[in-house]
């Protein structure tokens, strides 16, 4: 498949599946000048303080997908965008937004991307990273205690009261919309090598196999 001047690739999968690792590996192999990485997590809604403790951040309604769709459409037209910054410690959107320049390849990752038709329509190709629940939980536990200041008890409670139910209801069913499902428990190397080769050659083989 030949690709447009700006190709947009979506990477989805459950929390802790390895989707961000996959996206960053693709970007690293293509270089920052050639490939930009955009995270769904930047688009959490900016809520009033009294509402921040009540929201389920793994539900689609927590995200401003309308804005993400606008940004992806602009990037496809060859326009730079300004993207929001979200602070997980304070659960709030920052006042300063970040300049995001258009590049030949844009890779977007997030757990809920494939649940949204207006986002799926922007992708030239999409992946779903499939990873066992216990592995995903352990990865999230390690990340949130190390990087986001959470307690192990808090991470566990959130995972099984919010993350898992939303995964089962929204994330897992969205895999049907992916062009390719790959394992998050094996090396991404062979798949990434083929992606990088195809993108540098300005084509993407839809017969890619895991």
N, C-alpha and C. Protein backbone atom coordinates (compact mmCIF):
# COMPACT_ATOMS: atom_id res chain seq x y z
N UNK A 1 0.85 -1.20 0.00
CA UNK A 1 0.00 0.00 0.00
C UNK A 1 0.88 1.24 0.00
N UNK A 2 0.72 2.13 -0.99
CA UNK A 2 1.43 3.39 -0.96
C UNK A 2 0.81 4.28 0.09
N UNK A 3 1.59 5.19 0.66
CA UNK A 3 1.09 6.00 1.75
C UNK A 3 1.17 7.48 1.41
N UNK A 4 0.35 8.24 2.11
CA UNK A 4 0.22 9.67 1.86
C UNK A 4 1.43 10.42 2.39
N UNK A 5 1.58 11.71 2.07
CA UNK A 5 2.73 12.48 2.56
C UNK A 5 2.92 12.42 4.07
N UNK A 6 1.82 12.41 4.82
CA UNK A 6 1.90 12.20 6.26
C UNK A 6 1.07 10.97 6.60
N UNK A 7 1.74 9.91 7.05
CA UNK A 7 1.05 8.69 7.41
C UNK A 7 0.86 8.67 8.92
N UNK A 8 -0.33 8.26 9.35
CA UNK A 8 -0.65 8.21 10.77
C UNK A 8 -0.93 6.77 11.17
N UNK A 9 -0.23 6.31 12.19
CA UNK A 9 -0.34 4.93 12.66
C UNK A 9 -0.87 4.93 14.09
N UNK A 10 -1.88 4.12 14.36
CA UNK A 10 -2.44 3.99 15.69
C UNK A 10 -1.95 2.73 16.37
N UNK A 11 -1.63 2.84 17.65
CA UNK A 11 -1.20 1.68 18.44
C UNK A 11 -2.06 1.63 19.70
N UNK A 12 -2.84 0.57 19.83
CA UNK A 12 -3.71 0.43 20.98
C UNK A 12 -3.43 -0.87 21.71
N UNK A 13 -4.16 -1.09 22.81
CA UNK A 13 -3.97 -2.26 23.66
C UNK A 13 -4.23 -1.85 25.09
N UNK A 14 -4.32 -2.81 25.97
CA UNK A 14 -4.62 -2.52 27.36
C UNK A 14 -3.52 -1.76 28.07
N UNK A 15 -3.86 -1.20 29.23
CA UNK A 15 -2.88 -0.53 30.05
C UNK A 15 -1.79 -1.53 30.45
N UNK A 16 -0.53 -1.19 30.17
CA UNK A 16 0.58 -2.08 30.48
C UNK A 16 0.85 -3.12 29.42
N UNK A 17 0.20 -3.00 28.28
CA UNK A 17 0.37 -4.02 27.23
C UNK A 17 1.70 -3.90 26.51
N UNK A 18 2.31 -2.71 26.54
CA UNK A 18 3.54 -2.48 25.80
C UNK A 18 3.37 -1.57 24.61
N UNK A 19 2.18 -0.96 24.48
CA UNK A 19 1.90 -0.13 23.31
C UNK A 19 2.80 1.09 23.22
N UNK A 20 3.07 1.74 24.36
CA UNK A 20 3.94 2.92 24.33
C UNK A 20 5.37 2.51 24.01
N UNK A 21 5.82 1.39 24.55
CA UNK A 21 7.16 0.88 24.22
C UNK A 21 7.26 0.61 22.73
N UNK A 22 6.22 0.00 22.17
CA UNK A 22 6.19 -0.28 20.73
C UNK A 22 6.26 1.02 19.93
N UNK A 23 5.43 1.99 20.30
CA UNK A 23 5.39 3.26 19.58
C UNK A 23 6.74 3.97 19.65
N UNK A 24 7.34 4.00 20.83
CA UNK A 24 8.62 4.69 20.99
C UNK A 24 9.74 3.96 20.25
N UNK A 25 9.66 2.65 20.16
CA UNK A 25 10.67 1.90 19.39
C UNK A 25 10.57 2.21 17.91
N UNK A 26 9.35 2.31 17.39
CA UNK A 26 9.18 2.70 15.99
C UNK A 26 9.77 4.09 15.76
N UNK A 27 9.44 5.03 16.65
CA UNK A 27 9.96 6.39 16.51
C UNK A 27 11.48 6.41 16.58
N UNK A 28 12.05 5.68 17.53
CA UNK A 28 13.50 5.67 17.69
C UNK A 28 14.21 5.13 16.44
N UNK A 29 13.58 4.15 15.80
CA UNK A 29 14.19 3.57 14.60
C UNK A 29 14.04 4.47 13.38
N UNK A 30 13.03 5.35 13.40
CA UNK A 30 12.81 6.25 12.27
C UNK A 30 13.45 7.62 12.48
N UNK A 31 13.72 8.00 13.73
CA UNK A 31 14.28 9.28 14.15
C UNK A 31 13.17 10.30 14.40
N UNK A 32 13.43 11.21 15.32
CA UNK A 32 12.43 12.21 15.71
C UNK A 32 12.09 13.17 14.58
N UNK A 33 13.02 13.40 13.68
CA UNK A 33 12.76 14.30 12.55
C UNK A 33 11.79 13.68 11.54
N UNK A 34 11.79 12.36 11.47
CA UNK A 34 10.97 11.66 10.49
C UNK A 34 9.64 11.19 11.08
N UNK A 35 9.64 10.91 12.40
CA UNK A 35 8.46 10.32 13.04
C UNK A 35 8.16 11.01 14.35
N UNK A 36 6.93 11.48 14.51
CA UNK A 36 6.50 12.09 15.76
C UNK A 36 5.62 11.14 16.55
N UNK A 37 5.76 11.17 17.88
CA UNK A 37 4.96 10.31 18.76
C UNK A 37 3.98 11.16 19.54
N UNK A 38 2.71 10.77 19.52
CA UNK A 38 1.66 11.52 20.20
C UNK A 38 0.87 10.55 21.07
N UNK A 39 0.74 10.88 22.37
CA UNK A 39 0.07 9.99 23.32
C UNK A 39 -1.37 10.43 23.55
N UNK A 40 -2.27 9.45 23.56
CA UNK A 40 -3.67 9.72 23.90
C UNK A 40 -3.78 10.40 25.26
N UNK A 41 -2.87 10.06 26.19
CA UNK A 41 -2.95 10.58 27.56
C UNK A 41 -2.83 12.10 27.64
N UNK A 42 -2.35 12.74 26.61
CA UNK A 42 -2.29 14.21 26.62
C UNK A 42 -3.69 14.82 26.56
N UNK A 43 -4.68 14.04 26.16
CA UNK A 43 -6.00 14.59 25.85
C UNK A 43 -7.05 14.32 26.93
N UNK A 44 -6.60 14.03 28.15
CA UNK A 44 -7.57 13.96 29.24
C UNK A 44 -8.24 15.32 29.41
N UNK A 45 -9.52 15.30 29.68
CA UNK A 45 -10.28 16.54 29.81
C UNK A 45 -9.80 17.34 31.01
N UNK A 46 -9.87 18.66 30.88
CA UNK A 46 -9.49 19.56 31.96
C UNK A 46 -10.71 19.78 32.84
N UNK A 47 -10.75 19.11 33.98
CA UNK A 47 -11.93 19.12 34.84
C UNK A 47 -11.75 20.07 36.02
N UNK A 48 -12.87 20.49 36.57
CA UNK A 48 -12.83 21.28 37.80
C UNK A 48 -12.30 20.40 38.93
N UNK A 49 -11.57 21.00 39.89
CA UNK A 49 -10.95 20.20 40.96
C UNK A 49 -11.91 19.27 41.68
N UNK A 50 -13.13 19.70 41.90
CA UNK A 50 -14.07 18.88 42.66
C UNK A 50 -14.53 17.64 41.88
N UNK A 51 -14.27 17.61 40.58
CA UNK A 51 -14.70 16.47 39.77
C UNK A 51 -13.58 15.47 39.52
N UNK A 52 -12.33 15.86 39.81
CA UNK A 52 -11.20 15.03 39.42
C UNK A 52 -11.14 13.70 40.15
N UNK A 53 -11.66 13.63 41.38
CA UNK A 53 -11.62 12.39 42.12
C UNK A 53 -12.76 11.45 41.80
N UNK A 54 -13.71 11.90 40.98
CA UNK A 54 -14.89 11.10 40.70
C UNK A 54 -14.85 10.42 39.34
N UNK A 55 -13.96 10.85 38.49
CA UNK A 55 -13.96 10.38 37.11
C UNK A 55 -13.21 9.06 36.97
N UNK A 56 -13.69 8.22 36.09
CA UNK A 56 -12.99 7.00 35.72
C UNK A 56 -12.12 7.33 34.51
N UNK A 57 -10.81 7.38 34.71
CA UNK A 57 -9.91 7.81 33.66
C UNK A 57 -9.70 6.75 32.58
N UNK A 58 -10.28 5.59 32.74
CA UNK A 58 -10.19 4.55 31.73
C UNK A 58 -11.47 4.45 30.89
N UNK A 59 -12.40 5.36 31.11
CA UNK A 59 -13.62 5.42 30.33
C UNK A 59 -13.44 6.43 29.18
N UNK A 60 -13.97 6.14 28.01
CA UNK A 60 -13.80 7.07 26.87
C UNK A 60 -14.22 8.51 27.17
N UNK A 61 -15.21 8.71 28.04
CA UNK A 61 -15.69 10.06 28.31
C UNK A 61 -14.64 10.93 29.01
N UNK A 62 -13.58 10.32 29.56
CA UNK A 62 -12.54 11.09 30.26
C UNK A 62 -11.63 11.82 29.29
N UNK A 63 -11.72 11.50 28.02
CA UNK A 63 -10.78 12.02 27.02
C UNK A 63 -11.47 12.93 26.02
N UNK A 64 -10.75 13.95 25.59
CA UNK A 64 -11.27 14.90 24.61
C UNK A 64 -10.89 14.42 23.20
N UNK A 65 -11.56 13.37 22.77
CA UNK A 65 -11.24 12.78 21.48
C UNK A 65 -11.54 13.73 20.32
N UNK A 66 -12.49 14.63 20.53
CA UNK A 66 -12.79 15.60 19.47
C UNK A 66 -11.56 16.43 19.13
N UNK A 67 -10.83 16.85 20.16
CA UNK A 67 -9.63 17.64 19.94
C UNK A 67 -8.53 16.81 19.29
N UNK A 68 -8.36 15.57 19.73
CA UNK A 68 -7.36 14.71 19.11
C UNK A 68 -7.68 14.49 17.64
N UNK A 69 -8.95 14.28 17.31
CA UNK A 69 -9.33 14.09 15.91
C UNK A 69 -9.02 15.33 15.08
N UNK A 70 -9.27 16.51 15.65
CA UNK A 70 -8.93 17.75 14.95
C UNK A 70 -7.43 17.86 14.71
N UNK A 71 -6.65 17.49 15.70
CA UNK A 71 -5.20 17.58 15.56
C UNK A 71 -4.67 16.59 14.52
N UNK A 72 -5.19 15.37 14.53
CA UNK A 72 -4.75 14.40 13.54
C UNK A 72 -5.13 14.84 12.13
N UNK A 73 -6.30 15.42 11.98
CA UNK A 73 -6.73 15.92 10.67
C UNK A 73 -5.81 17.05 10.20
N UNK A 74 -5.45 17.93 11.11
CA UNK A 74 -4.54 19.03 10.76
C UNK A 74 -3.16 18.50 10.37
N UNK A 75 -2.65 17.54 11.12
CA UNK A 75 -1.34 16.96 10.79
C UNK A 75 -1.39 16.29 9.42
N UNK A 76 -2.48 15.63 9.12
CA UNK A 76 -2.62 15.00 7.81
C UNK A 76 -2.61 16.04 6.69
N UNK A 77 -3.11 17.24 6.97
CA UNK A 77 -3.10 18.33 5.98
C UNK A 77 -1.74 19.01 5.90
N UNK A 78 -0.81 18.59 6.73
CA UNK A 78 0.52 19.18 6.71
C UNK A 78 0.70 20.36 7.63
N UNK A 79 -0.20 20.48 8.63
CA UNK A 79 -0.15 21.62 9.55
C UNK A 79 0.38 21.20 10.92
N UNK A 80 1.22 22.04 11.51
CA UNK A 80 1.66 21.82 12.89
C UNK A 80 0.48 22.05 13.83
N UNK A 81 0.57 21.47 15.04
CA UNK A 81 -0.48 21.67 16.04
C UNK A 81 0.16 21.98 17.39
N UNK A 82 -0.66 22.49 18.29
CA UNK A 82 -0.27 22.70 19.68
C UNK A 82 -1.08 21.73 20.52
N UNK A 83 -0.38 20.86 21.26
CA UNK A 83 -1.06 19.80 21.99
C UNK A 83 -1.02 20.07 23.49
N UNK A 84 -2.06 19.65 24.21
CA UNK A 84 -2.11 19.88 25.66
C UNK A 84 -1.11 19.01 26.41
N UNK A 85 -0.80 19.43 27.63
CA UNK A 85 0.03 18.66 28.54
C UNK A 85 -0.82 18.28 29.74
N UNK A 86 -0.72 17.03 30.16
CA UNK A 86 -1.52 16.59 31.31
C UNK A 86 -0.60 16.13 32.42
N UNK A 87 -0.89 16.60 33.63
CA UNK A 87 -0.09 16.26 34.80
C UNK A 87 -0.83 15.21 35.63
N UNK A 88 -0.27 14.00 35.70
CA UNK A 88 -0.94 12.91 36.40
C UNK A 88 -0.88 13.06 37.91
N UNK A 89 0.09 13.79 38.40
CA UNK A 89 0.19 13.98 39.86
C UNK A 89 -0.96 14.83 40.38
N UNK A 90 -1.31 15.88 39.63
CA UNK A 90 -2.38 16.78 40.07
C UNK A 90 -3.71 16.50 39.37
N UNK A 91 -3.69 15.55 38.40
CA UNK A 91 -4.89 15.23 37.61
C UNK A 91 -5.46 16.49 36.94
N UNK A 92 -4.59 17.24 36.30
CA UNK A 92 -5.06 18.47 35.66
C UNK A 92 -4.26 18.75 34.39
N UNK A 93 -4.89 19.48 33.48
CA UNK A 93 -4.23 19.92 32.26
C UNK A 93 -3.41 21.16 32.56
N UNK A 94 -2.20 21.20 32.06
CA UNK A 94 -1.31 22.33 32.29
C UNK A 94 -1.71 23.53 31.42
N UNK A 95 -1.32 24.71 31.85
CA UNK A 95 -1.69 25.91 31.09
C UNK A 95 -0.89 26.04 29.80
N UNK A 96 0.34 25.54 29.79
CA UNK A 96 1.17 25.65 28.59
C UNK A 96 0.99 24.42 27.70
N UNK A 97 0.74 24.66 26.42
CA UNK A 97 0.63 23.59 25.44
C UNK A 97 1.94 23.48 24.67
N UNK A 98 2.14 22.34 24.02
CA UNK A 98 3.42 22.05 23.37
C UNK A 98 3.27 22.06 21.85
N UNK A 99 4.22 22.70 21.20
CA UNK A 99 4.24 22.71 19.74
C UNK A 99 4.60 21.31 19.23
N UNK A 100 3.78 20.80 18.30
CA UNK A 100 4.00 19.47 17.73
C UNK A 100 4.09 19.62 16.22
N UNK A 101 5.30 19.55 15.66
CA UNK A 101 5.45 19.76 14.22
C UNK A 101 5.02 18.55 13.39
N UNK A 102 4.47 18.80 12.23
CA UNK A 102 4.10 17.72 11.33
C UNK A 102 5.38 17.04 10.83
N UNK A 103 5.30 15.74 10.63
CA UNK A 103 6.41 14.95 10.11
C UNK A 103 5.87 13.88 9.17
N UNK A 104 6.74 13.22 8.40
CA UNK A 104 6.24 12.22 7.45
C UNK A 104 5.44 11.09 8.10
N UNK A 105 5.78 10.75 9.35
CA UNK A 105 5.06 9.69 10.06
C UNK A 105 4.66 10.21 11.44
N UNK A 106 3.41 9.98 11.81
CA UNK A 106 2.93 10.28 13.16
C UNK A 106 2.42 8.97 13.74
N UNK A 107 2.93 8.60 14.92
CA UNK A 107 2.47 7.40 15.59
C UNK A 107 1.76 7.80 16.88
N UNK A 108 0.54 7.29 17.05
CA UNK A 108 -0.31 7.66 18.18
C UNK A 108 -0.58 6.41 19.01
N UNK A 109 -0.43 6.52 20.34
CA UNK A 109 -0.74 5.34 21.15
C UNK A 109 -1.74 5.69 22.25
N UNK A 110 -2.56 4.70 22.62
CA UNK A 110 -3.54 4.91 23.68
C UNK A 110 -4.48 3.73 23.79
N UNK A 111 -5.00 3.51 24.99
CA UNK A 111 -5.82 2.33 25.23
C UNK A 111 -7.17 2.38 24.51
N UNK A 112 -7.68 3.57 24.26
CA UNK A 112 -9.05 3.70 23.77
C UNK A 112 -9.14 4.22 22.33
N UNK A 113 -8.03 4.34 21.66
CA UNK A 113 -8.03 4.93 20.32
C UNK A 113 -8.97 4.21 19.35
N UNK A 114 -8.97 2.89 19.39
CA UNK A 114 -9.74 2.13 18.41
C UNK A 114 -11.21 2.02 18.77
N UNK A 115 -11.60 2.59 19.92
CA UNK A 115 -13.03 2.63 20.27
C UNK A 115 -13.74 3.79 19.59
N UNK A 116 -12.98 4.72 19.00
CA UNK A 116 -13.53 5.96 18.48
C UNK A 116 -13.49 6.01 16.96
N UNK A 117 -14.65 6.00 16.29
CA UNK A 117 -14.65 6.03 14.81
C UNK A 117 -13.92 7.25 14.24
N UNK A 118 -14.08 8.42 14.87
CA UNK A 118 -13.44 9.62 14.32
C UNK A 118 -11.92 9.59 14.44
N UNK A 119 -11.40 8.76 15.36
CA UNK A 119 -9.96 8.57 15.47
C UNK A 119 -9.50 7.47 14.51
N UNK A 120 -10.22 6.37 14.49
CA UNK A 120 -9.87 5.27 13.57
C UNK A 120 -9.79 5.74 12.13
N UNK A 121 -10.69 6.66 11.76
CA UNK A 121 -10.73 7.15 10.38
C UNK A 121 -9.45 7.89 9.98
N UNK A 122 -8.69 8.33 10.96
CA UNK A 122 -7.46 9.09 10.67
C UNK A 122 -6.25 8.17 10.46
N UNK A 123 -6.38 6.89 10.81
CA UNK A 123 -5.23 6.00 10.75
C UNK A 123 -5.07 5.37 9.38
N UNK A 124 -3.83 5.37 8.90
CA UNK A 124 -3.50 4.60 7.70
C UNK A 124 -3.32 3.13 8.05
N UNK A 125 -2.90 2.88 9.27
CA UNK A 125 -2.67 1.51 9.73
C UNK A 125 -2.77 1.51 11.24
N UNK A 126 -3.27 0.41 11.81
CA UNK A 126 -3.40 0.36 13.27
C UNK A 126 -2.99 -1.01 13.81
N UNK A 127 -2.43 -0.97 15.02
CA UNK A 127 -2.00 -2.18 15.71
C UNK A 127 -2.74 -2.29 17.04
N UNK A 128 -2.94 -3.53 17.48
CA UNK A 128 -3.44 -3.80 18.82
C UNK A 128 -2.42 -4.72 19.48
N UNK A 129 -1.92 -4.29 20.66
CA UNK A 129 -0.94 -5.08 21.39
C UNK A 129 -1.67 -5.96 22.40
N UNK A 130 -1.56 -7.26 22.25
CA UNK A 130 -2.29 -8.23 23.07
C UNK A 130 -1.36 -8.79 24.15
N UNK A 131 -1.71 -8.55 25.42
CA UNK A 131 -0.87 -8.96 26.54
C UNK A 131 -1.74 -9.49 27.68
N UNK A 132 -1.29 -10.56 28.32
CA UNK A 132 -2.02 -11.16 29.42
C UNK A 132 -2.28 -10.16 30.55
N UNK A 133 -3.44 -10.29 31.20
CA UNK A 133 -3.85 -9.34 32.23
C UNK A 133 -2.87 -9.24 33.39
N UNK A 134 -2.36 -10.35 33.87
CA UNK A 134 -1.45 -10.31 35.01
C UNK A 134 -0.15 -9.61 34.67
N UNK A 135 0.32 -9.79 33.47
CA UNK A 135 1.53 -9.07 33.02
C UNK A 135 1.24 -7.59 32.94
N UNK A 136 0.09 -7.21 32.40
CA UNK A 136 -0.28 -5.81 32.31
C UNK A 136 -0.40 -5.16 33.69
N UNK A 137 -1.01 -5.90 34.62
CA UNK A 137 -1.14 -5.36 35.98
C UNK A 137 0.23 -5.13 36.61
N UNK A 138 1.14 -6.07 36.49
CA UNK A 138 2.46 -5.93 37.11
C UNK A 138 3.22 -4.75 36.50
N UNK A 139 3.11 -4.58 35.19
CA UNK A 139 3.77 -3.45 34.53
C UNK A 139 3.19 -2.13 35.01
N UNK A 140 1.87 -2.07 35.15
CA UNK A 140 1.24 -0.84 35.62
C UNK A 140 1.61 -0.56 37.07
N UNK A 141 1.67 -1.59 37.88
CA UNK A 141 2.07 -1.43 39.28
C UNK A 141 3.47 -0.84 39.37
N UNK A 142 4.38 -1.37 38.59
CA UNK A 142 5.76 -0.86 38.60
C UNK A 142 5.83 0.57 38.12
N UNK A 143 5.11 0.88 37.06
CA UNK A 143 5.14 2.24 36.50
C UNK A 143 4.53 3.27 37.45
N UNK A 144 3.35 2.97 37.96
CA UNK A 144 2.63 3.97 38.75
C UNK A 144 3.28 4.22 40.11
N UNK A 145 3.89 3.21 40.70
CA UNK A 145 4.58 3.43 41.98
C UNK A 145 5.90 4.15 41.76
N UNK A 146 6.54 3.88 40.64
CA UNK A 146 7.86 4.48 40.37
C UNK A 146 7.76 5.89 39.79
N UNK A 147 6.81 6.10 38.85
CA UNK A 147 6.77 7.34 38.09
C UNK A 147 5.66 8.30 38.51
N UNK A 148 4.60 7.79 39.13
CA UNK A 148 3.44 8.64 39.39
C UNK A 148 3.10 8.76 40.87
N UNK A 149 3.98 8.28 41.73
CA UNK A 149 3.82 8.49 43.16
C UNK A 149 2.64 7.77 43.79
N UNK A 150 2.17 6.69 43.18
CA UNK A 150 1.04 5.96 43.72
C UNK A 150 1.50 4.88 44.70
N UNK A 151 0.63 4.46 45.58
CA UNK A 151 0.93 3.35 46.48
C UNK A 151 0.54 2.04 45.81
N UNK A 152 1.19 0.92 46.16
CA UNK A 152 0.81 -0.36 45.57
C UNK A 152 -0.67 -0.69 45.80
N UNK A 153 -1.17 -0.37 47.00
CA UNK A 153 -2.59 -0.65 47.30
C UNK A 153 -3.51 0.17 46.40
N UNK A 154 -3.15 1.45 46.21
CA UNK A 154 -3.96 2.31 45.36
C UNK A 154 -3.97 1.85 43.91
N UNK A 155 -2.80 1.42 43.43
CA UNK A 155 -2.70 0.94 42.05
C UNK A 155 -3.54 -0.32 41.87
N UNK A 156 -3.45 -1.21 42.85
CA UNK A 156 -4.21 -2.47 42.76
C UNK A 156 -5.72 -2.20 42.78
N UNK A 157 -6.14 -1.35 43.69
CA UNK A 157 -7.57 -1.04 43.79
C UNK A 157 -8.08 -0.43 42.49
N UNK A 158 -7.32 0.52 41.94
CA UNK A 158 -7.75 1.17 40.70
C UNK A 158 -7.78 0.19 39.53
N UNK A 159 -6.79 -0.68 39.48
CA UNK A 159 -6.71 -1.61 38.35
C UNK A 159 -7.94 -2.52 38.31
N UNK A 160 -8.29 -3.10 39.46
CA UNK A 160 -9.36 -4.08 39.45
C UNK A 160 -10.76 -3.48 39.60
N UNK A 161 -10.84 -2.22 40.03
CA UNK A 161 -12.16 -1.58 40.14
C UNK A 161 -12.49 -0.72 38.92
N UNK A 162 -11.46 -0.23 38.21
CA UNK A 162 -11.70 0.66 37.08
C UNK A 162 -11.03 0.16 35.79
N UNK A 163 -9.72 -0.10 35.85
CA UNK A 163 -8.97 -0.44 34.64
C UNK A 163 -9.50 -1.73 34.00
N UNK A 164 -9.61 -2.79 34.80
CA UNK A 164 -10.05 -4.08 34.25
C UNK A 164 -11.48 -4.00 33.69
N UNK A 165 -12.46 -3.45 34.42
CA UNK A 165 -13.81 -3.38 33.84
C UNK A 165 -13.86 -2.58 32.54
N UNK A 166 -13.13 -1.47 32.47
CA UNK A 166 -13.13 -0.67 31.24
C UNK A 166 -12.39 -1.39 30.12
N UNK A 167 -11.35 -2.12 30.48
CA UNK A 167 -10.65 -2.92 29.47
C UNK A 167 -11.59 -3.95 28.86
N UNK A 168 -12.30 -4.66 29.74
CA UNK A 168 -13.21 -5.70 29.26
C UNK A 168 -14.36 -5.13 28.43
N UNK A 169 -14.84 -3.93 28.81
CA UNK A 169 -15.99 -3.34 28.11
C UNK A 169 -15.62 -2.63 26.82
N UNK A 170 -14.48 -1.92 26.85
CA UNK A 170 -14.15 -1.06 25.71
C UNK A 170 -12.88 -1.47 24.95
N UNK A 171 -11.81 -1.70 25.69
CA UNK A 171 -10.51 -1.89 25.03
C UNK A 171 -10.44 -3.22 24.28
N UNK A 172 -10.72 -4.31 24.98
CA UNK A 172 -10.62 -5.63 24.34
C UNK A 172 -11.50 -5.75 23.09
N UNK A 173 -12.76 -5.31 23.13
CA UNK A 173 -13.58 -5.41 21.92
C UNK A 173 -13.03 -4.57 20.75
N UNK A 174 -12.27 -3.52 21.05
CA UNK A 174 -11.79 -2.63 19.99
C UNK A 174 -10.70 -3.28 19.14
N UNK A 175 -10.17 -4.42 19.58
CA UNK A 175 -9.12 -5.08 18.80
C UNK A 175 -9.62 -5.47 17.41
N UNK A 176 -10.93 -5.65 17.27
CA UNK A 176 -11.49 -6.03 15.96
C UNK A 176 -11.23 -4.97 14.90
N UNK A 177 -10.94 -3.73 15.33
CA UNK A 177 -10.73 -2.65 14.38
C UNK A 177 -9.26 -2.51 13.97
N UNK A 178 -8.38 -3.28 14.60
CA UNK A 178 -6.95 -3.17 14.29
C UNK A 178 -6.63 -3.90 12.98
N UNK A 179 -5.68 -3.35 12.24
CA UNK A 179 -5.22 -4.04 11.03
C UNK A 179 -4.35 -5.25 11.39
N UNK A 180 -3.67 -5.16 12.55
CA UNK A 180 -2.82 -6.26 12.96
C UNK A 180 -2.78 -6.34 14.48
N UNK A 181 -2.97 -7.54 15.02
CA UNK A 181 -2.84 -7.80 16.45
C UNK A 181 -1.51 -8.50 16.67
N UNK A 182 -0.70 -7.96 17.58
CA UNK A 182 0.60 -8.57 17.85
C UNK A 182 0.76 -8.80 19.35
N UNK A 183 1.60 -9.72 19.72
CA UNK A 183 1.82 -10.06 21.11
C UNK A 183 2.68 -9.01 21.81
N UNK A 184 2.25 -8.64 23.02
CA UNK A 184 3.06 -7.76 23.84
C UNK A 184 3.98 -8.51 24.78
N UNK A 185 4.05 -9.82 24.60
CA UNK A 185 4.88 -10.66 25.46
C UNK A 185 6.10 -11.20 24.73
N UNK A 186 6.25 -10.83 23.48
CA UNK A 186 7.41 -11.26 22.68
C UNK A 186 8.13 -10.02 22.15
N UNK A 187 9.28 -10.24 21.59
CA UNK A 187 10.07 -9.14 21.04
C UNK A 187 9.32 -8.45 19.91
N UNK A 188 9.34 -7.12 19.95
CA UNK A 188 8.73 -6.34 18.88
C UNK A 188 9.66 -6.20 17.67
N UNK A 189 10.90 -6.61 17.84
CA UNK A 189 11.93 -6.34 16.84
C UNK A 189 11.57 -6.69 15.41
N UNK A 190 11.16 -7.94 15.13
CA UNK A 190 10.89 -8.33 13.74
C UNK A 190 9.79 -7.50 13.09
N UNK A 191 8.70 -7.22 13.84
CA UNK A 191 7.60 -6.43 13.28
C UNK A 191 8.06 -5.00 13.03
N UNK A 192 8.80 -4.42 13.99
CA UNK A 192 9.26 -3.05 13.84
C UNK A 192 10.22 -2.92 12.68
N UNK A 193 11.09 -3.90 12.49
CA UNK A 193 12.02 -3.86 11.35
C UNK A 193 11.25 -3.75 10.04
N UNK A 194 10.15 -4.49 9.92
CA UNK A 194 9.37 -4.47 8.67
C UNK A 194 8.62 -3.16 8.53
N UNK A 195 8.12 -2.63 9.64
CA UNK A 195 7.42 -1.35 9.59
C UNK A 195 8.36 -0.24 9.15
N UNK A 196 9.53 -0.21 9.77
CA UNK A 196 10.51 0.84 9.47
C UNK A 196 10.95 0.76 8.01
N UNK A 197 11.21 -0.45 7.54
CA UNK A 197 11.61 -0.63 6.15
C UNK A 197 10.51 -0.14 5.21
N UNK A 198 9.27 -0.48 5.51
CA UNK A 198 8.16 -0.06 4.66
C UNK A 198 7.95 1.43 4.66
N UNK A 199 8.02 2.05 5.85
CA UNK A 199 7.79 3.49 5.93
C UNK A 199 8.89 4.28 5.26
N UNK A 200 10.10 3.83 5.39
CA UNK A 200 11.20 4.54 4.71
C UNK A 200 11.09 4.39 3.20
N UNK A 201 10.47 3.30 2.76
CA UNK A 201 10.26 3.09 1.33
C UNK A 201 8.96 3.67 0.84
N UNK A 202 8.22 4.36 1.77
CA UNK A 202 6.94 5.01 1.48
C UNK A 202 5.87 4.01 1.07
N UNK A 203 5.90 2.83 1.70
CA UNK A 203 4.83 1.85 1.50
C UNK A 203 4.69 1.06 2.79
N UNK A 204 3.51 0.46 3.00
CA UNK A 204 3.28 -0.32 4.21
C UNK A 204 2.54 -1.58 3.81
N UNK A 205 3.17 -2.72 4.09
CA UNK A 205 2.62 -4.00 3.67
C UNK A 205 1.51 -4.43 4.61
N UNK A 206 0.28 -4.47 4.13
CA UNK A 206 -0.86 -4.85 4.95
C UNK A 206 -0.89 -6.34 5.26
N UNK A 207 0.03 -7.12 4.67
CA UNK A 207 0.09 -8.54 4.97
C UNK A 207 1.08 -8.83 6.08
N UNK A 208 1.52 -7.78 6.80
CA UNK A 208 2.41 -8.00 7.94
C UNK A 208 1.85 -9.08 8.85
N UNK A 209 2.71 -9.98 9.30
CA UNK A 209 2.29 -11.01 10.25
C UNK A 209 3.09 -10.89 11.52
N UNK A 210 2.53 -11.29 12.68
CA UNK A 210 3.23 -11.13 13.94
C UNK A 210 4.54 -11.88 13.96
